[in-house]
């Protein structure tokens, strides 16, 4: 990962699912972070379910926080449901935090 991508991951780790005390990155909700040559950022993310109560607010929070970094020109979040999220996508740290290990 390049320096900006590392900073974006750090930003993503500040966004928490309100129902689960783990950030969206460790939950495995972030599928891809793409940065073009002009520092426009595209993020592919999913939600724990299509009926997630924060389906509108959480992606906007991710987008706004990434856009707020001074090195980012623009940011866009694309919500995808393929592949569908499941608990196996969580990091070991998240699994431990939630008692799955």
Protein backbone atom coordinates (compact mmCIF):
# COMPACT_ATOMS: atom_id res chain seq x y z
CA UNK A 1 0.00 0.00 0.00
CA UNK A 2 1.18 3.51 -0.69
CA UNK A 3 1.26 6.25 1.94
CA UNK A 4 -2.11 7.78 0.98
CA UNK A 5 -3.78 4.38 0.97
CA UNK A 6 -2.44 3.74 4.48
CA UNK A 7 -3.88 7.08 5.62
CA UNK A 8 -7.25 6.20 4.07
CA UNK A 9 -7.26 2.85 5.88
CA UNK A 10 -6.57 4.73 9.12
CA UNK A 11 -9.57 6.98 8.35
CA UNK A 12 -11.76 3.95 7.60
CA UNK A 13 -10.83 2.53 11.00
CA UNK A 14 -12.56 5.55 12.61
CA UNK A 15 -15.98 4.61 11.16
CA UNK A 16 -17.90 2.17 13.33
CA UNK A 17 -21.00 0.13 12.65
CA UNK A 18 -23.37 1.48 15.33
CA UNK A 19 -24.69 -1.99 16.14
CA UNK A 20 -21.28 -3.68 16.37
CA UNK A 21 -18.37 -2.13 18.32
CA UNK A 22 -15.89 -2.73 15.48
CA UNK A 23 -14.80 -0.41 12.67
CA UNK A 24 -15.89 -0.98 9.07
CA UNK A 25 -12.38 -1.93 7.93
CA UNK A 26 -11.85 -4.64 10.55
CA UNK A 27 -15.42 -5.88 9.96
CA UNK A 28 -14.43 -6.61 6.37
CA UNK A 29 -16.98 -4.20 4.90
CA UNK A 30 -14.36 -2.47 2.73
CA UNK A 31 -13.73 -4.54 -0.39
CA UNK A 32 -11.45 -2.20 -2.32
CA UNK A 33 -9.80 1.22 -2.16
CA UNK A 34 -8.69 2.65 -5.53
CA UNK A 35 -6.73 5.87 -5.86
CA UNK A 36 -6.16 7.42 -9.28
CA UNK A 37 -3.26 9.63 -10.33
CA UNK A 38 -5.14 12.77 -9.23
CA UNK A 39 -5.89 11.36 -5.74
CA UNK A 40 -9.55 10.69 -6.43
CA UNK A 41 -10.58 7.77 -4.24
CA UNK A 42 -13.13 5.08 -5.11
CA UNK A 43 -14.14 2.76 -2.30
CA UNK A 44 -16.13 -0.42 -2.77
CA UNK A 45 -17.86 -1.41 0.41
CA UNK A 46 -20.72 -3.56 1.54
CA UNK A 47 -23.05 -3.61 4.51
CA UNK A 48 -23.71 -6.43 6.94
CA UNK A 49 -27.12 -6.80 5.29
CA UNK A 50 -29.06 -5.05 2.51
CA UNK A 51 -31.60 -3.95 5.15
CA UNK A 52 -28.93 -2.40 7.36
CA UNK A 53 -30.44 0.55 9.29
CA UNK A 54 -27.40 2.72 8.46
CA UNK A 55 -27.44 1.92 4.74
CA UNK A 56 -27.55 5.62 3.87
CA UNK A 57 -25.64 7.24 6.70
CA UNK A 58 -22.62 4.95 7.06
CA UNK A 59 -21.44 5.09 3.41
CA UNK A 60 -21.86 8.88 3.52
CA UNK A 61 -19.79 9.04 6.72
CA UNK A 62 -17.05 6.98 5.02
CA UNK A 63 -17.14 9.23 1.95
CA UNK A 64 -17.14 12.47 3.96
CA UNK A 65 -14.27 11.40 6.22
CA UNK A 66 -12.09 10.31 3.29
CA UNK A 67 -12.92 13.52 1.38
CA UNK A 68 -11.83 15.45 4.46
CA UNK A 69 -8.22 14.33 4.14
CA UNK A 70 -6.16 17.19 2.64
CA UNK A 71 -4.41 14.92 0.09
CA UNK A 72 -7.69 13.54 -1.30
CA UNK A 73 -9.19 15.42 -4.23
CA UNK A 74 -12.53 13.59 -4.15
CA UNK A 75 -13.99 10.36 -2.78
CA UNK A 76 -16.84 8.15 -3.82
CA UNK A 77 -18.30 5.11 -2.07
CA UNK A 78 -19.92 2.39 -4.13
CA UNK A 79 -22.10 -0.07 -2.23
CA UNK A 80 -21.92 -3.64 -3.50
CA UNK A 81 -23.50 -6.85 -2.25
CA UNK A 82 -21.45 -9.29 -4.29
CA UNK A 83 -19.90 -11.12 -2.65
CA UNK A 84 -22.31 -10.95 0.26
CA UNK A 85 -20.71 -10.12 3.58
CA UNK A 86 -20.37 -12.78 6.24
CA UNK A 87 -18.49 -13.00 9.53
CA UNK A 88 -15.57 -14.83 7.90
CA UNK A 89 -14.62 -11.53 6.24
CA UNK A 90 -13.79 -9.97 9.61
CA UNK A 91 -10.19 -9.58 10.69
CA UNK A 92 -8.87 -11.82 13.47
CA UNK A 93 -8.93 -8.72 15.71
CA UNK A 94 -12.65 -8.15 15.03
CA UNK A 95 -13.48 -11.82 15.59
CA UNK A 96 -11.65 -11.75 18.89
CA UNK A 97 -13.39 -8.52 19.94
CA UNK A 98 -16.81 -10.03 19.19
CA UNK A 99 -16.06 -13.38 20.83
CA UNK A 100 -15.90 -15.49 17.66
CA UNK A 101 -12.45 -16.83 18.56
